[in-house]
């Protein structure tokens, strides 16, 4: 029986061997462990995870939306001024109430038409106590309007979202570099960049995706899933990169289209019927003879 202690050199040899194995494993891990260096690479890595089945498409869309919110600016999603329903500071209730009711909106920027400056925000619910003709005589718009949040077109969406949430505000007025009003943006607009279109009880035809309006002519919601569209029109549009018809049409235009702009895709003609909040709302679809 050998009672001699193990040699120091043998122990050192074993430790050195273990270290070399450990270093080699670390090297292999680093070679196969990809770490995105910027948001573009991160987006590509996330999409690759979706293609490998790690993420569902809905989750992928939300993550990509969150990344867009961290880079896009207010000007990319704002509702442009021509589409905004304003209330003039000097208007009488009889003048603006029909406009308020017709719009079905809950908030309205109040503007001074003489100076083109925003006076504040009018909430539709604040008008309820004054709807009777008797109370309208006591109506003073200046007593109802609330402070308006003014923001530049260049503000990042993630910063805007934090500010709106912190201040419990739902709408902001967008100004250009000269201080002129160019549009509005709501917290819903920002959230839709992340979760997709949010429809409410005031959205018309929300339950109808495809409606026949003439012989071989249809009015189709931009939110129509690709598989539903293909089944209806016996087409073969790819759903690899896009989930909805609006995504494919926007991709082929390669720009933001205008109403009545048209494009042909795979034997079908697509005409932009309506837009809402800088998004395609409905599309006329017909077969090309």
Protein backbone atom coordinates (compact mmCIF):
# COMPACT_ATOMS: atom_id res chain seq x y z
CA UNK A 1 0.00 0.00 0.00
CA UNK A 2 1.36 3.35 -1.03
CA UNK A 3 0.79 5.95 1.69
CA UNK A 4 2.65 8.73 -0.11
CA UNK A 5 0.60 11.86 -0.68
CA UNK A 6 -0.26 12.79 -4.27
CA UNK A 7 2.41 14.84 -5.91
CA UNK A 8 1.88 18.56 -6.33
CA UNK A 9 2.74 18.28 -10.00
CA UNK A 10 0.01 15.68 -10.61
CA UNK A 11 -2.61 17.81 -8.85
CA UNK A 12 -1.52 20.85 -10.83
CA UNK A 13 -1.82 18.82 -14.02
CA UNK A 14 -5.40 17.81 -13.20
CA UNK A 15 -6.35 21.43 -12.37
CA UNK A 16 -4.81 22.65 -15.59
CA UNK A 17 -6.73 20.04 -17.59
CA UNK A 18 -10.01 21.05 -15.94
CA UNK A 19 -9.31 24.71 -16.68
CA UNK A 20 -8.63 23.92 -20.34
CA UNK A 21 -11.91 21.98 -20.57
CA UNK A 22 -13.78 24.83 -18.88
CA UNK A 23 -12.24 27.43 -21.19
CA UNK A 24 -13.08 25.31 -24.24
CA UNK A 25 -16.73 24.95 -23.17
CA UNK A 26 -16.91 28.71 -22.59
CA UNK A 27 -15.49 29.34 -26.06
CA UNK A 28 -18.02 27.00 -27.68
CA UNK A 29 -20.90 28.65 -25.76
CA UNK A 30 -19.79 32.12 -26.83
CA UNK A 31 -19.60 30.99 -30.47
CA UNK A 32 -23.15 29.65 -30.39
CA UNK A 33 -24.68 32.22 -28.05
CA UNK A 34 -25.71 35.17 -30.23
CA UNK A 35 -26.07 38.53 -28.48
CA UNK A 36 -27.77 41.25 -30.55
CA UNK A 37 -25.77 44.48 -30.62
CA UNK A 38 -28.61 46.85 -31.64
CA UNK A 39 -32.38 47.00 -32.07
CA UNK A 40 -32.23 45.87 -35.71
CA UNK A 41 -30.31 42.74 -34.76
CA UNK A 42 -32.65 42.16 -31.82
CA UNK A 43 -35.68 42.36 -34.11
CA UNK A 44 -34.05 39.89 -36.49
CA UNK A 45 -33.30 37.50 -33.64
CA UNK A 46 -36.89 37.71 -32.40
CA UNK A 47 -38.28 37.04 -35.88
CA UNK A 48 -35.93 34.07 -36.21
CA UNK A 49 -37.30 32.73 -32.91
CA UNK A 50 -40.82 33.02 -34.33
CA UNK A 51 -39.86 31.15 -37.50
CA UNK A 52 -38.44 28.34 -35.33
CA UNK A 53 -41.70 28.12 -33.40
CA UNK A 54 -40.38 29.60 -30.16
CA UNK A 55 -42.76 32.59 -30.35
CA UNK A 56 -46.33 32.74 -31.62
CA UNK A 57 -47.12 35.29 -34.32
CA UNK A 58 -49.27 37.36 -31.98
CA UNK A 59 -46.46 37.59 -29.46
CA UNK A 60 -43.97 38.41 -32.22
CA UNK A 61 -46.18 41.27 -33.47
CA UNK A 62 -46.46 42.75 -29.98
CA UNK A 63 -42.71 42.58 -29.38
CA UNK A 64 -41.99 44.17 -32.75
CA UNK A 65 -44.60 46.83 -31.94
CA UNK A 66 -42.89 47.59 -28.65
CA UNK A 67 -39.57 47.97 -30.48
CA UNK A 68 -41.19 50.36 -32.98
CA UNK A 69 -42.59 52.45 -30.14
CA UNK A 70 -39.05 52.90 -28.82
CA UNK A 71 -37.82 54.31 -32.15
CA UNK A 72 -40.81 55.87 -33.96
CA UNK A 73 -41.84 59.47 -33.46
CA UNK A 74 -45.20 61.14 -32.92
CA UNK A 75 -45.30 62.34 -36.54
CA UNK A 76 -45.39 58.67 -37.64
CA UNK A 77 -48.77 57.93 -36.05
CA UNK A 78 -50.49 61.25 -35.32
CA UNK A 79 -53.93 62.06 -36.68
CA UNK A 80 -53.28 64.95 -39.12
CA UNK A 81 -55.04 68.25 -38.54
CA UNK A 82 -57.52 67.96 -41.47
CA UNK A 83 -58.98 64.85 -39.81
CA UNK A 84 -59.28 66.40 -36.33
CA UNK A 85 -62.66 67.60 -35.02
CA UNK A 86 -62.07 70.96 -33.35
CA UNK A 87 -64.34 73.17 -31.25
CA UNK A 88 -63.83 76.89 -31.66
CA UNK A 89 -63.48 78.92 -28.49
CA UNK A 90 -66.14 81.39 -29.62
CA UNK A 91 -68.69 78.88 -30.92
CA UNK A 92 -72.13 78.53 -29.40
CA UNK A 93 -73.31 75.09 -28.23
CA UNK A 94 -75.91 74.97 -31.00
CA UNK A 95 -73.05 75.26 -33.52
CA UNK A 96 -70.67 72.59 -32.26
CA UNK A 97 -72.96 70.07 -30.50
CA UNK A 98 -74.16 68.42 -33.75
CA UNK A 99 -70.52 68.02 -34.79
CA UNK A 100 -69.60 66.52 -31.42
CA UNK A 101 -72.48 64.05 -31.50
CA UNK A 102 -71.78 62.99 -35.10
CA UNK A 103 -68.09 62.33 -34.46
CA UNK A 104 -68.70 59.99 -31.47
CA UNK A 105 -65.34 61.12 -30.02
CA UNK A 106 -64.84 61.68 -26.31
CA UNK A 107 -62.33 64.55 -26.44
CA UNK A 108 -62.10 67.66 -28.60
CA UNK A 109 -59.32 70.24 -28.90
CA UNK A 110 -60.61 73.76 -28.32
CA UNK A 111 -58.93 76.27 -30.61
CA UNK A 112 -58.95 80.04 -30.91
CA UNK A 113 -59.53 80.56 -34.63
CA UNK A 114 -58.16 84.11 -34.47
CA UNK A 115 -54.78 83.21 -33.01
CA UNK A 116 -54.67 79.54 -34.10
CA UNK A 117 -53.70 78.63 -30.55
CA UNK A 118 -55.07 75.71 -28.53
CA UNK A 119 -57.09 76.80 -25.51
CA UNK A 120 -57.57 73.35 -23.99
CA UNK A 121 -59.45 70.06 -24.28
CA UNK A 122 -63.23 69.64 -24.05
CA UNK A 123 -64.53 66.30 -22.73
CA UNK A 124 -67.87 65.21 -24.20
CA UNK A 125 -69.04 63.96 -20.80
CA UNK A 126 -68.69 67.49 -19.38
CA UNK A 127 -71.42 68.62 -21.79
CA UNK A 128 -74.08 66.27 -20.42
CA UNK A 129 -75.41 68.64 -17.72
CA UNK A 130 -75.96 71.33 -20.36
CA UNK A 131 -77.87 69.32 -22.97
CA UNK A 132 -81.29 70.77 -22.08
CA UNK A 133 -82.15 74.04 -23.78
CA UNK A 134 -82.68 75.67 -20.38
CA UNK A 135 -79.14 74.95 -19.21
CA UNK A 136 -77.56 75.97 -22.53
CA UNK A 137 -78.23 79.61 -21.68
CA UNK A 138 -75.81 79.27 -18.75
CA UNK A 139 -73.16 77.47 -20.80
CA UNK A 140 -69.63 78.88 -20.71
CA UNK A 141 -67.07 76.89 -22.66
CA UNK A 142 -64.14 78.48 -20.85
CA UNK A 143 -65.37 76.96 -17.59
CA UNK A 144 -65.31 73.42 -18.99
CA UNK A 145 -62.12 73.10 -20.98
CA UNK A 146 -59.17 71.32 -19.40
CA UNK A 147 -55.45 71.96 -19.92
CA UNK A 148 -54.00 70.58 -23.14
CA UNK A 149 -50.72 68.69 -23.43
CA UNK A 150 -48.60 70.16 -26.23
CA UNK A 151 -45.84 68.02 -27.75
CA UNK A 152 -43.45 68.27 -30.73
CA UNK A 153 -43.76 66.00 -33.78
CA UNK A 154 -40.31 64.58 -33.03
CA UNK A 155 -41.11 63.16 -29.59
CA UNK A 156 -40.42 59.42 -29.29
CA UNK A 157 -43.52 57.31 -28.76
CA UNK A 158 -42.18 55.46 -25.71
CA UNK A 159 -41.48 58.77 -23.96
CA UNK A 160 -44.94 60.06 -24.89
CA UNK A 161 -46.58 56.90 -23.54
CA UNK A 162 -44.79 57.30 -20.20
CA UNK A 163 -45.80 60.97 -19.99
CA UNK A 164 -49.46 60.31 -20.83
CA UNK A 165 -49.66 57.52 -18.27
CA UNK A 166 -47.91 59.52 -15.57
CA UNK A 167 -50.18 62.53 -16.10
CA UNK A 168 -53.31 60.41 -16.64
CA UNK A 169 -53.88 62.15 -19.96
CA UNK A 170 -55.46 60.56 -23.00
CA UNK A 171 -54.71 63.11 -25.72
CA UNK A 172 -51.87 65.41 -26.74
CA UNK A 173 -51.78 68.23 -29.29
CA UNK A 174 -48.96 67.94 -31.83
CA UNK A 175 -47.03 71.07 -32.87
CA UNK A 176 -44.46 71.58 -35.61
CA UNK A 177 -41.17 73.45 -35.21
CA UNK A 178 -42.98 76.78 -35.65
CA UNK A 179 -45.53 76.07 -32.93
CA UNK A 180 -48.41 75.47 -35.34
CA UNK A 181 -50.92 72.69 -34.69
CA UNK A 182 -50.33 69.76 -37.07
CA UNK A 183 -52.49 67.09 -35.45
CA UNK A 184 -53.31 65.12 -32.33
CA UNK A 185 -52.25 61.81 -30.83
CA UNK A 186 -54.01 59.70 -28.21
CA UNK A 187 -52.78 57.06 -25.83
CA UNK A 188 -54.86 54.58 -27.83
CA UNK A 189 -52.86 55.44 -30.97
CA UNK A 190 -49.63 54.54 -29.18
CA UNK A 191 -51.01 51.33 -27.70
CA UNK A 192 -52.27 50.25 -31.13
CA UNK A 193 -48.68 50.33 -32.34
CA UNK A 194 -48.02 47.53 -29.85
CA UNK A 195 -51.19 45.44 -29.75
CA UNK A 196 -52.73 46.25 -33.13
CA UNK A 197 -56.01 47.90 -34.07
CA UNK A 198 -58.36 48.54 -31.14
CA UNK A 199 -61.97 48.70 -32.28
CA UNK A 200 -64.79 49.90 -30.08
CA UNK A 201 -68.58 50.05 -30.22
CA UNK A 202 -68.42 53.13 -32.44
CA UNK A 203 -66.35 51.50 -35.18
CA UNK A 204 -68.67 50.83 -38.10
CA UNK A 205 -69.02 47.35 -39.59
CA UNK A 206 -66.53 45.99 -37.09
CA UNK A 207 -67.97 42.50 -37.47
CA UNK A 208 -67.89 42.44 -41.28
CA UNK A 209 -64.52 41.62 -42.79
CA UNK A 210 -65.59 41.00 -46.39
CA UNK A 211 -68.72 42.53 -47.94
CA UNK A 212 -69.87 42.18 -51.54
CA UNK A 213 -70.73 45.60 -52.98
CA UNK A 214 -71.12 44.78 -56.67
CA UNK A 215 -70.53 42.16 -59.32
CA UNK A 216 -67.13 40.65 -58.51
CA UNK A 217 -66.33 43.65 -56.31
CA UNK A 218 -65.87 43.50 -52.54
CA UNK A 219 -65.18 45.87 -49.66
CA UNK A 220 -62.61 44.20 -47.44
CA UNK A 221 -61.34 45.20 -44.00
CA UNK A 222 -57.58 45.71 -43.85
CA UNK A 223 -57.65 43.55 -40.69
CA UNK A 224 -58.82 40.49 -42.62
CA UNK A 225 -56.47 37.55 -41.87
CA UNK A 226 -54.57 36.32 -44.93
CA UNK A 227 -55.93 32.77 -44.65
CA UNK A 228 -59.52 34.06 -44.54
CA UNK A 229 -58.89 36.27 -47.57
CA UNK A 230 -57.27 33.43 -49.55
CA UNK A 231 -60.15 31.09 -48.80
CA UNK A 232 -62.73 33.65 -49.91
CA UNK A 233 -60.97 34.76 -53.10
CA UNK A 234 -59.26 31.46 -53.94
CA UNK A 235 -55.94 33.31 -53.88
CA UNK A 236 -52.51 32.39 -52.59
CA UNK A 237 -51.20 35.49 -50.82
CA UNK A 238 -48.34 34.57 -48.49
CA UNK A 239 -48.83 34.85 -44.74
CA UNK A 240 -45.14 34.32 -44.00
CA UNK A 241 -44.33 37.97 -43.26
CA UNK A 242 -47.80 39.49 -42.76
CA UNK A 243 -50.90 38.42 -40.86
CA UNK A 244 -53.47 40.75 -42.46
CA UNK A 245 -54.44 42.01 -45.89
CA UNK A 246 -53.51 45.57 -44.92
CA UNK A 247 -49.93 44.51 -44.20
CA UNK A 248 -49.48 42.93 -47.64
CA UNK A 249 -51.06 45.87 -49.48
CA UNK A 250 -48.93 48.39 -47.57
CA UNK A 251 -45.81 46.34 -48.36
CA UNK A 252 -46.52 46.35 -52.10
CA UNK A 253 -47.15 50.10 -52.13
CA UNK A 254 -43.80 50.63 -50.33
CA UNK A 255 -45.22 53.94 -49.05
CA UNK A 256 -48.27 55.21 -47.22
CA UNK A 257 -51.08 55.22 -49.81
CA UNK A 258 -53.86 57.75 -50.33
CA UNK A 259 -57.58 57.07 -50.88
CA UNK A 260 -58.28 55.66 -54.37
CA UNK A 261 -54.66 54.58 -54.87
CA UNK A 262 -54.67 51.21 -56.63
CA UNK A 263 -52.30 48.30 -57.04
CA UNK A 264 -52.49 44.86 -58.68
CA UNK A 265 -51.34 41.78 -56.76
CA UNK A 266 -51.62 38.18 -58.01
CA UNK A 267 -54.51 38.77 -60.39
CA UNK A 268 -56.47 40.98 -58.01
CA UNK A 269 -56.90 44.76 -58.00
CA UNK A 270 -56.76 46.54 -54.65
CA UNK A 271 -58.09 50.10 -54.32
CA UNK A 272 -57.71 52.02 -51.05
CA UNK A 273 -61.23 52.84 -49.91
CA UNK A 274 -60.63 54.51 -46.56
CA UNK A 275 -57.87 55.40 -44.10
CA UNK A 276 -57.99 56.00 -40.38
CA UNK A 277 -55.21 57.26 -38.11
CA UNK A 278 -52.58 56.77 -40.79
CA UNK A 279 -53.66 53.18 -41.34
CA UNK A 280 -55.47 51.47 -44.16
CA UNK A 281 -59.05 50.85 -43.01
CA UNK A 282 -60.90 49.29 -45.95
CA UNK A 283 -59.90 48.13 -49.41
CA UNK A 284 -61.98 47.52 -52.55
CA UNK A 285 -60.99 44.22 -54.13
CA UNK A 286 -61.90 43.02 -57.62
CA UNK A 287 -60.60 40.43 -60.04
CA UNK A 288 -58.56 41.56 -63.04
CA UNK A 289 -60.21 40.43 -66.25
